[in-house]
Amino acid sequence: MYAPLLQLKNETQFRQYYIKNFCTRPIITHDGFNIVFRQDRFDHAFFKSQDRRLRDKSEFDWDRAQRMDWIKKVLQDPHVITYQGFDNIKYRIDPLRRVSVLTDDMYAVIIEFNRKLTKGFFITAFMIHDKEILQNLISKPLWSHPFIIN
């Protein structure tokens, strides 16, 4: 296992932990980027949909929440491989999105940079429950900096 699991009692404690430990100041990645965590991302990152097609995010996800501390560790780990993300709306690779993947632990952290690459924003982190999803993530081009944005 990549790191110990966070052991808290309920959703409220996880939310308070997230706000206190992630939202008060940016996390600096291994390559020097400031990553901002917004309070409103908690529900997106730590809830899951009972029906993926509905995308209702109605159920607290203990697996994701217990791995909350993994997010910082992944972002600061220079050995984690990073890939370019995918824009599901425009249906194309998005080099402003960086997906850090722990292949052995089947875990991913997604951040998105502003156009000038002066800072990034936490989007989500999740357990990869399907080998096809893992293959999809790692089939994207490697993320590298600097790169030219047209």
N, C-alpha and C. Protein backbone atom coordinates (compact mmCIF):
# COMPACT_ATOMS: atom_id res chain seq x y z
N MET A 1 0.85 -1.18 0.00
CA MET A 1 0.00 0.00 0.00
C MET A 1 0.89 1.24 0.00
N TYR A 2 0.52 2.22 -0.79
CA TYR A 2 1.32 3.43 -1.01
C TYR A 2 1.56 4.21 0.28
N ALA A 3 0.52 4.36 1.10
CA ALA A 3 0.62 5.12 2.35
C ALA A 3 -0.50 4.66 3.28
N PRO A 4 -0.39 4.96 4.58
CA PRO A 4 -1.46 4.57 5.50
C PRO A 4 -2.79 5.23 5.14
N LEU A 5 -3.86 4.56 5.50
CA LEU A 5 -5.20 5.11 5.28
C LEU A 5 -5.56 6.05 6.42
N LEU A 6 -6.27 7.09 6.10
CA LEU A 6 -6.74 8.07 7.08
C LEU A 6 -7.95 7.47 7.80
N GLN A 7 -7.90 7.42 9.12
CA GLN A 7 -8.97 6.80 9.90
C GLN A 7 -9.74 7.88 10.67
N LEU A 8 -10.84 8.31 10.10
CA LEU A 8 -11.74 9.25 10.77
C LEU A 8 -13.11 8.60 10.88
N LYS A 9 -14.01 9.20 11.69
CA LYS A 9 -15.26 8.52 12.02
C LYS A 9 -16.40 8.75 11.04
N ASN A 10 -16.43 9.91 10.39
CA ASN A 10 -17.60 10.20 9.55
C ASN A 10 -17.26 11.25 8.49
N GLU A 11 -18.23 11.50 7.64
CA GLU A 11 -18.04 12.46 6.54
C GLU A 11 -17.66 13.84 7.06
N THR A 12 -18.29 14.28 8.14
CA THR A 12 -18.01 15.60 8.69
C THR A 12 -16.55 15.73 9.09
N GLN A 13 -16.00 14.72 9.73
CA GLN A 13 -14.60 14.77 10.12
C GLN A 13 -13.68 14.78 8.90
N PHE A 14 -14.02 14.00 7.88
CA PHE A 14 -13.21 14.02 6.66
C PHE A 14 -13.26 15.39 5.99
N ARG A 15 -14.44 15.98 5.96
CA ARG A 15 -14.60 17.31 5.35
C ARG A 15 -13.76 18.35 6.10
N GLN A 16 -13.84 18.32 7.42
CA GLN A 16 -13.07 19.26 8.24
C GLN A 16 -11.57 19.05 8.04
N TYR A 17 -11.15 17.81 7.95
CA TYR A 17 -9.74 17.49 7.72
C TYR A 17 -9.29 18.04 6.37
N TYR A 18 -10.10 17.84 5.35
CA TYR A 18 -9.79 18.34 4.00
C TYR A 18 -9.64 19.86 4.02
N ILE A 19 -10.58 20.55 4.63
CA ILE A 19 -10.54 22.02 4.67
C ILE A 19 -9.29 22.49 5.42
N LYS A 20 -9.02 21.89 6.57
CA LYS A 20 -7.88 22.31 7.40
C LYS A 20 -6.54 21.99 6.74
N ASN A 21 -6.41 20.82 6.14
CA ASN A 21 -5.11 20.35 5.67
C ASN A 21 -4.84 20.58 4.18
N PHE A 22 -5.88 20.91 3.42
CA PHE A 22 -5.68 21.09 1.99
C PHE A 22 -6.10 22.47 1.49
N CYS A 23 -7.11 23.06 2.10
CA CYS A 23 -7.67 24.31 1.55
C CYS A 23 -7.07 25.58 2.13
N THR A 24 -6.28 25.48 3.16
CA THR A 24 -5.76 26.70 3.80
C THR A 24 -4.53 27.26 3.10
N ARG A 25 -3.80 26.40 2.37
CA ARG A 25 -2.61 26.86 1.63
C ARG A 25 -2.34 25.86 0.50
N PRO A 26 -1.75 26.33 -0.57
CA PRO A 26 -1.47 25.42 -1.69
C PRO A 26 -0.48 24.33 -1.30
N ILE A 27 -0.59 23.22 -1.97
CA ILE A 27 0.40 22.16 -1.86
C ILE A 27 1.38 22.34 -3.01
N ILE A 28 2.65 22.26 -2.71
CA ILE A 28 3.68 22.43 -3.74
C ILE A 28 4.08 21.05 -4.25
N THR A 29 3.98 20.86 -5.56
CA THR A 29 4.32 19.58 -6.17
C THR A 29 5.82 19.37 -6.19
N HIS A 30 6.23 18.17 -6.51
CA HIS A 30 7.65 17.83 -6.59
C HIS A 30 8.38 18.69 -7.62
N ASP A 31 7.65 19.22 -8.61
CA ASP A 31 8.29 20.05 -9.64
C ASP A 31 7.97 21.53 -9.49
N GLY A 32 7.51 21.93 -8.29
CA GLY A 32 7.42 23.34 -7.95
C GLY A 32 6.12 24.06 -8.25
N PHE A 33 5.06 23.36 -8.64
CA PHE A 33 3.78 24.01 -8.91
C PHE A 33 2.96 24.13 -7.63
N ASN A 34 2.30 25.28 -7.46
CA ASN A 34 1.35 25.47 -6.37
C ASN A 34 0.00 24.91 -6.81
N ILE A 35 -0.52 23.98 -6.02
CA ILE A 35 -1.82 23.39 -6.33
C ILE A 35 -2.82 23.87 -5.28
N VAL A 36 -3.88 24.50 -5.76
CA VAL A 36 -4.92 25.06 -4.91
C VAL A 36 -6.04 24.04 -4.75
N PHE A 37 -6.51 23.89 -3.52
CA PHE A 37 -7.63 23.00 -3.21
C PHE A 37 -8.80 23.86 -2.76
N ARG A 38 -9.89 23.80 -3.49
CA ARG A 38 -11.08 24.57 -3.14
C ARG A 38 -12.01 23.70 -2.29
N GLN A 39 -12.69 24.34 -1.35
CA GLN A 39 -13.62 23.61 -0.49
C GLN A 39 -14.72 22.93 -1.28
N ASP A 40 -15.17 23.57 -2.35
CA ASP A 40 -16.29 23.01 -3.11
C ASP A 40 -15.91 21.76 -3.90
N ARG A 41 -14.64 21.40 -3.94
CA ARG A 41 -14.22 20.17 -4.64
C ARG A 41 -14.38 18.93 -3.76
N PHE A 42 -14.65 19.12 -2.49
CA PHE A 42 -14.77 17.97 -1.58
C PHE A 42 -15.82 16.99 -2.07
N ASP A 43 -17.01 17.49 -2.36
CA ASP A 43 -18.09 16.59 -2.78
C ASP A 43 -17.74 15.85 -4.06
N HIS A 44 -17.13 16.54 -5.00
CA HIS A 44 -16.77 15.89 -6.26
C HIS A 44 -15.71 14.81 -6.03
N ALA A 45 -14.75 15.11 -5.17
CA ALA A 45 -13.63 14.18 -4.97
C ALA A 45 -13.96 13.01 -4.05
N PHE A 46 -14.85 13.21 -3.10
CA PHE A 46 -15.04 12.18 -2.08
C PHE A 46 -16.46 11.62 -2.00
N PHE A 47 -17.22 11.86 -3.02
CA PHE A 47 -18.53 11.22 -3.15
C PHE A 47 -18.54 10.47 -4.47
N LYS A 48 -19.38 9.45 -4.55
CA LYS A 48 -19.51 8.69 -5.79
C LYS A 48 -20.98 8.59 -6.16
N SER A 49 -21.20 8.31 -7.41
CA SER A 49 -22.55 8.13 -7.92
C SER A 49 -22.93 6.66 -7.83
N GLN A 50 -24.13 6.40 -7.37
CA GLN A 50 -24.59 5.01 -7.36
C GLN A 50 -24.78 4.52 -8.79
N ASP A 51 -25.14 5.44 -9.67
CA ASP A 51 -25.29 5.12 -11.09
C ASP A 51 -24.38 6.07 -11.86
N ARG A 52 -23.32 5.53 -12.47
CA ARG A 52 -22.33 6.38 -13.16
C ARG A 52 -22.96 7.25 -14.24
N ARG A 53 -24.02 6.76 -14.86
CA ARG A 53 -24.65 7.54 -15.93
C ARG A 53 -25.37 8.76 -15.38
N LEU A 54 -25.88 8.67 -14.17
CA LEU A 54 -26.58 9.82 -13.57
C LEU A 54 -25.62 10.88 -13.05
N ARG A 55 -24.43 10.44 -12.64
CA ARG A 55 -23.43 11.36 -12.08
C ARG A 55 -24.00 12.22 -10.95
N ASP A 56 -24.72 11.58 -10.04
CA ASP A 56 -25.39 12.33 -8.98
C ASP A 56 -24.51 12.57 -7.74
N LYS A 57 -23.40 11.85 -7.61
CA LYS A 57 -22.48 12.01 -6.48
C LYS A 57 -23.24 12.03 -5.15
N SER A 58 -24.07 11.03 -4.94
CA SER A 58 -24.96 11.00 -3.79
C SER A 58 -24.44 10.18 -2.61
N GLU A 59 -23.36 9.44 -2.80
CA GLU A 59 -22.91 8.52 -1.76
C GLU A 59 -21.46 8.83 -1.35
N PHE A 60 -21.25 9.03 -0.05
CA PHE A 60 -19.90 9.26 0.46
C PHE A 60 -19.04 8.04 0.15
N ASP A 61 -17.83 8.27 -0.34
CA ASP A 61 -16.93 7.19 -0.74
C ASP A 61 -15.80 7.05 0.28
N TRP A 62 -15.95 6.08 1.16
CA TRP A 62 -14.96 5.85 2.22
C TRP A 62 -13.59 5.53 1.64
N ASP A 63 -13.53 4.74 0.57
CA ASP A 63 -12.24 4.39 -0.04
C ASP A 63 -11.48 5.63 -0.49
N ARG A 64 -12.18 6.55 -1.13
CA ARG A 64 -11.53 7.79 -1.57
C ARG A 64 -11.10 8.63 -0.38
N ALA A 65 -12.01 8.79 0.58
CA ALA A 65 -11.74 9.66 1.72
C ALA A 65 -10.57 9.14 2.56
N GLN A 66 -10.49 7.83 2.75
CA GLN A 66 -9.40 7.27 3.54
C GLN A 66 -8.04 7.44 2.86
N ARG A 67 -8.05 7.68 1.57
CA ARG A 67 -6.81 7.90 0.83
C ARG A 67 -6.52 9.39 0.60
N MET A 68 -7.20 10.25 1.33
CA MET A 68 -7.04 11.69 1.16
C MET A 68 -5.58 12.12 1.31
N ASP A 69 -4.88 11.59 2.28
CA ASP A 69 -3.47 11.97 2.46
C ASP A 69 -2.58 11.49 1.32
N TRP A 70 -3.05 10.51 0.56
CA TRP A 70 -2.30 10.06 -0.61
C TRP A 70 -2.17 11.18 -1.63
N ILE A 71 -3.16 12.06 -1.70
CA ILE A 71 -3.16 13.12 -2.72
C ILE A 71 -1.89 13.95 -2.61
N LYS A 72 -1.62 14.46 -1.42
CA LYS A 72 -0.42 15.28 -1.23
C LYS A 72 0.84 14.48 -1.52
N LYS A 73 0.88 13.26 -1.03
CA LYS A 73 2.06 12.42 -1.24
C LYS A 73 2.29 12.17 -2.73
N VAL A 74 1.21 11.88 -3.46
CA VAL A 74 1.33 11.64 -4.91
C VAL A 74 1.85 12.90 -5.61
N LEU A 75 1.28 14.05 -5.28
CA LEU A 75 1.69 15.29 -5.94
C LEU A 75 3.15 15.64 -5.64
N GLN A 76 3.65 15.23 -4.50
CA GLN A 76 5.02 15.56 -4.12
C GLN A 76 6.03 14.46 -4.44
N ASP A 77 5.56 13.37 -5.00
CA ASP A 77 6.43 12.23 -5.29
C ASP A 77 6.99 12.33 -6.71
N PRO A 78 8.29 12.54 -6.87
CA PRO A 78 8.86 12.68 -8.22
C PRO A 78 8.89 11.37 -9.01
N HIS A 79 8.59 10.26 -8.36
CA HIS A 79 8.63 8.96 -9.04
C HIS A 79 7.29 8.55 -9.64
N VAL A 80 6.23 9.29 -9.31
CA VAL A 80 4.91 8.97 -9.86
C VAL A 80 4.86 9.44 -11.31
N ILE A 81 4.40 8.58 -12.19
CA ILE A 81 4.31 8.92 -13.61
C ILE A 81 3.06 9.77 -13.85
N THR A 82 3.23 10.83 -14.63
CA THR A 82 2.11 11.73 -14.92
C THR A 82 1.80 11.73 -16.42
N TYR A 83 0.51 11.79 -16.71
CA TYR A 83 0.01 11.75 -18.08
C TYR A 83 -0.84 12.98 -18.34
N GLN A 84 -0.98 13.31 -19.62
CA GLN A 84 -1.90 14.38 -19.98
C GLN A 84 -3.32 13.88 -19.75
N GLY A 85 -4.18 14.79 -19.35
CA GLY A 85 -5.57 14.43 -19.08
C GLY A 85 -6.42 14.45 -20.32
N PHE A 86 -7.70 14.23 -20.11
CA PHE A 86 -8.66 14.16 -21.21
C PHE A 86 -9.83 15.07 -20.90
N ASP A 87 -10.24 15.85 -21.88
CA ASP A 87 -11.41 16.73 -21.75
C ASP A 87 -12.62 15.96 -22.26
N ASN A 88 -13.49 15.54 -21.35
CA ASN A 88 -14.66 14.74 -21.73
C ASN A 88 -15.70 15.52 -22.51
N ILE A 89 -15.69 16.83 -22.39
CA ILE A 89 -16.66 17.65 -23.12
C ILE A 89 -16.20 17.88 -24.55
N LYS A 90 -14.94 18.28 -24.71
CA LYS A 90 -14.40 18.51 -26.05
C LYS A 90 -13.90 17.21 -26.69
N TYR A 91 -13.85 16.16 -25.90
CA TYR A 91 -13.43 14.83 -26.34
C TYR A 91 -12.05 14.85 -27.00
N ARG A 92 -11.09 15.39 -26.23
CA ARG A 92 -9.71 15.44 -26.73
C ARG A 92 -8.75 15.49 -25.54
N ILE A 93 -7.51 15.17 -25.82
CA ILE A 93 -6.47 15.25 -24.80
C ILE A 93 -6.30 16.71 -24.40
N ASP A 94 -6.14 16.94 -23.09
CA ASP A 94 -5.98 18.29 -22.57
C ASP A 94 -4.65 18.38 -21.83
N PRO A 95 -3.64 19.02 -22.44
CA PRO A 95 -2.32 19.10 -21.80
C PRO A 95 -2.29 19.97 -20.55
N LEU A 96 -3.37 20.71 -20.28
CA LEU A 96 -3.44 21.47 -19.04
C LEU A 96 -3.88 20.61 -17.86
N ARG A 97 -4.35 19.42 -18.15
CA ARG A 97 -4.71 18.47 -17.09
C ARG A 97 -3.58 17.48 -16.91
N ARG A 98 -3.25 17.25 -15.67
CA ARG A 98 -2.18 16.28 -15.35
C ARG A 98 -2.78 15.18 -14.48
N VAL A 99 -2.59 13.97 -14.92
CA VAL A 99 -3.11 12.80 -14.22
C VAL A 99 -1.92 12.02 -13.66
N SER A 100 -1.82 11.97 -12.36
CA SER A 100 -0.76 11.20 -11.69
C SER A 100 -1.34 9.84 -11.36
N VAL A 101 -0.67 8.78 -11.81
CA VAL A 101 -1.22 7.43 -11.67
C VAL A 101 -0.28 6.54 -10.88
N LEU A 102 -0.83 5.94 -9.82
CA LEU A 102 -0.14 4.88 -9.09
C LEU A 102 -0.62 3.57 -9.68
N THR A 103 0.14 3.01 -10.58
CA THR A 103 -0.30 1.81 -11.29
C THR A 103 -0.51 0.63 -10.34
N ASP A 104 0.44 0.37 -9.46
CA ASP A 104 0.33 -0.78 -8.56
C ASP A 104 -0.84 -0.65 -7.59
N ASP A 105 -1.10 0.56 -7.13
CA ASP A 105 -2.19 0.77 -6.17
C ASP A 105 -3.50 1.17 -6.83
N MET A 106 -3.50 1.27 -8.16
CA MET A 106 -4.73 1.59 -8.91
C MET A 106 -5.38 2.87 -8.35
N TYR A 107 -4.64 3.97 -8.39
CA TYR A 107 -5.09 5.24 -7.83
C TYR A 107 -4.64 6.37 -8.75
N ALA A 108 -5.48 7.39 -8.88
CA ALA A 108 -5.16 8.53 -9.74
C ALA A 108 -5.52 9.85 -9.07
N VAL A 109 -4.70 10.86 -9.33
CA VAL A 109 -4.96 12.23 -8.87
C VAL A 109 -4.94 13.12 -10.10
N ILE A 110 -5.98 13.94 -10.25
CA ILE A 110 -6.08 14.82 -11.41
C ILE A 110 -6.04 16.28 -10.96
N ILE A 111 -5.16 17.04 -11.61
CA ILE A 111 -5.10 18.48 -11.38
C ILE A 111 -5.21 19.17 -12.74
N GLU A 112 -5.57 20.45 -12.70
CA GLU A 112 -5.68 21.23 -13.93
C GLU A 112 -4.95 22.55 -13.73
N PHE A 113 -4.12 22.89 -14.70
CA PHE A 113 -3.34 24.13 -14.63
C PHE A 113 -4.06 25.27 -15.35
N ASN A 114 -3.75 26.50 -14.90
CA ASN A 114 -4.20 27.65 -15.67
C ASN A 114 -3.34 27.74 -16.94
N ARG A 115 -3.74 28.55 -17.89
CA ARG A 115 -3.05 28.59 -19.19
C ARG A 115 -1.59 29.02 -19.09
N LYS A 116 -1.27 29.85 -18.10
CA LYS A 116 0.12 30.31 -17.96
C LYS A 116 0.97 29.35 -17.13
N LEU A 117 0.36 28.28 -16.65
CA LEU A 117 1.05 27.29 -15.81
C LEU A 117 1.65 27.91 -14.55
N THR A 118 0.99 28.94 -14.02
CA THR A 118 1.49 29.55 -12.80
C THR A 118 0.93 28.86 -11.56
N LYS A 119 -0.18 28.16 -11.69
CA LYS A 119 -0.73 27.38 -10.59
C LYS A 119 -1.69 26.34 -11.13
N GLY A 120 -1.96 25.37 -10.28
CA GLY A 120 -2.88 24.30 -10.66
C GLY A 120 -3.99 24.19 -9.64
N PHE A 121 -5.02 23.48 -10.02
CA PHE A 121 -6.18 23.28 -9.16
C PHE A 121 -6.47 21.79 -9.04
N PHE A 122 -6.74 21.35 -7.83
CA PHE A 122 -7.13 19.97 -7.61
C PHE A 122 -8.50 19.74 -8.23
N ILE A 123 -8.61 18.68 -9.02
CA ILE A 123 -9.88 18.31 -9.63
C ILE A 123 -10.50 17.14 -8.88
N THR A 124 -9.77 16.02 -8.80
CA THR A 124 -10.30 14.85 -8.11
C THR A 124 -9.20 13.83 -7.90
N ALA A 125 -9.51 12.82 -7.12
CA ALA A 125 -8.63 11.67 -6.91
C ALA A 125 -9.54 10.46 -6.71
N PHE A 126 -9.11 9.32 -7.22
CA PHE A 126 -9.99 8.16 -7.13
C PHE A 126 -9.24 6.85 -7.27
N MET A 127 -9.88 5.81 -6.74
CA MET A 127 -9.41 4.45 -6.93
C MET A 127 -9.81 4.02 -8.34
N ILE A 128 -8.92 3.34 -9.01
CA ILE A 128 -9.21 2.82 -10.35
C ILE A 128 -9.67 1.38 -10.18
N HIS A 129 -10.95 1.13 -10.39
CA HIS A 129 -11.52 -0.18 -10.13
C HIS A 129 -11.56 -1.09 -11.35
N ASP A 130 -11.07 -0.60 -12.47
CA ASP A 130 -11.20 -1.36 -13.71
C ASP A 130 -9.90 -1.25 -14.49
N LYS A 131 -9.36 -2.37 -14.90
CA LYS A 131 -8.09 -2.39 -15.66
C LYS A 131 -8.22 -1.62 -16.97
N GLU A 132 -9.41 -1.59 -17.56
CA GLU A 132 -9.61 -0.83 -18.81
C GLU A 132 -9.46 0.66 -18.56
N ILE A 133 -9.96 1.12 -17.43
CA ILE A 133 -9.81 2.55 -17.09
C ILE A 133 -8.34 2.86 -16.87
N LEU A 134 -7.64 1.98 -16.17
CA LEU A 134 -6.20 2.18 -15.99
C LEU A 134 -5.49 2.26 -17.34
N GLN A 135 -5.79 1.34 -18.23
CA GLN A 135 -5.16 1.35 -19.55
C GLN A 135 -5.48 2.63 -20.30
N ASN A 136 -6.71 3.11 -20.17
CA ASN A 136 -7.11 4.35 -20.82
C ASN A 136 -6.27 5.52 -20.29
N LEU A 137 -6.11 5.60 -18.98
CA LEU A 137 -5.34 6.70 -18.39
C LEU A 137 -3.88 6.67 -18.82
N ILE A 138 -3.27 5.49 -18.80
CA ILE A 138 -1.83 5.42 -19.08
C ILE A 138 -1.53 5.34 -20.58
N SER A 139 -2.57 5.32 -21.40
CA SER A 139 -2.35 5.35 -22.85
C SER A 139 -2.18 6.77 -23.37
N LYS A 140 -2.47 7.76 -22.53
CA LYS A 140 -2.33 9.16 -22.93
C LYS A 140 -0.85 9.54 -22.96
N PRO A 141 -0.52 10.62 -23.67
CA PRO A 141 0.88 11.08 -23.69
C PRO A 141 1.35 11.44 -22.28
N LEU A 142 2.62 11.25 -22.05
CA LEU A 142 3.19 11.67 -20.78
C LEU A 142 3.07 13.19 -20.66
N TRP A 143 2.84 13.65 -19.44
CA TRP A 143 2.78 15.09 -19.19
C TRP A 143 4.21 15.57 -19.02
N SER A 144 4.53 16.67 -19.66
CA SER A 144 5.86 17.23 -19.48
C SER A 144 5.78 18.75 -19.41
N HIS A 145 6.76 19.33 -18.79
CA HIS A 145 6.84 20.78 -18.66
C HIS A 145 8.27 21.18 -18.99
N PRO A 146 8.48 22.21 -19.72
CA PRO A 146 7.45 23.04 -20.34
C PRO A 146 6.97 22.44 -21.65
N PHE A 147 5.76 22.80 -21.99
CA PHE A 147 5.24 22.45 -23.31
C PHE A 147 4.58 23.69 -23.87
N ILE A 148 4.41 23.71 -25.16
CA ILE A 148 3.84 24.89 -25.83
C ILE A 148 2.36 24.69 -26.01
N ILE A 149 1.58 25.69 -25.61
CA ILE A 149 0.14 25.66 -25.79
C ILE A 149 -0.20 26.60 -26.93
N ASN A 150 -0.80 26.08 -27.96
CA ASN A 150 -1.17 26.92 -29.11
C ASN A 150 -2.48 27.63 -28.87
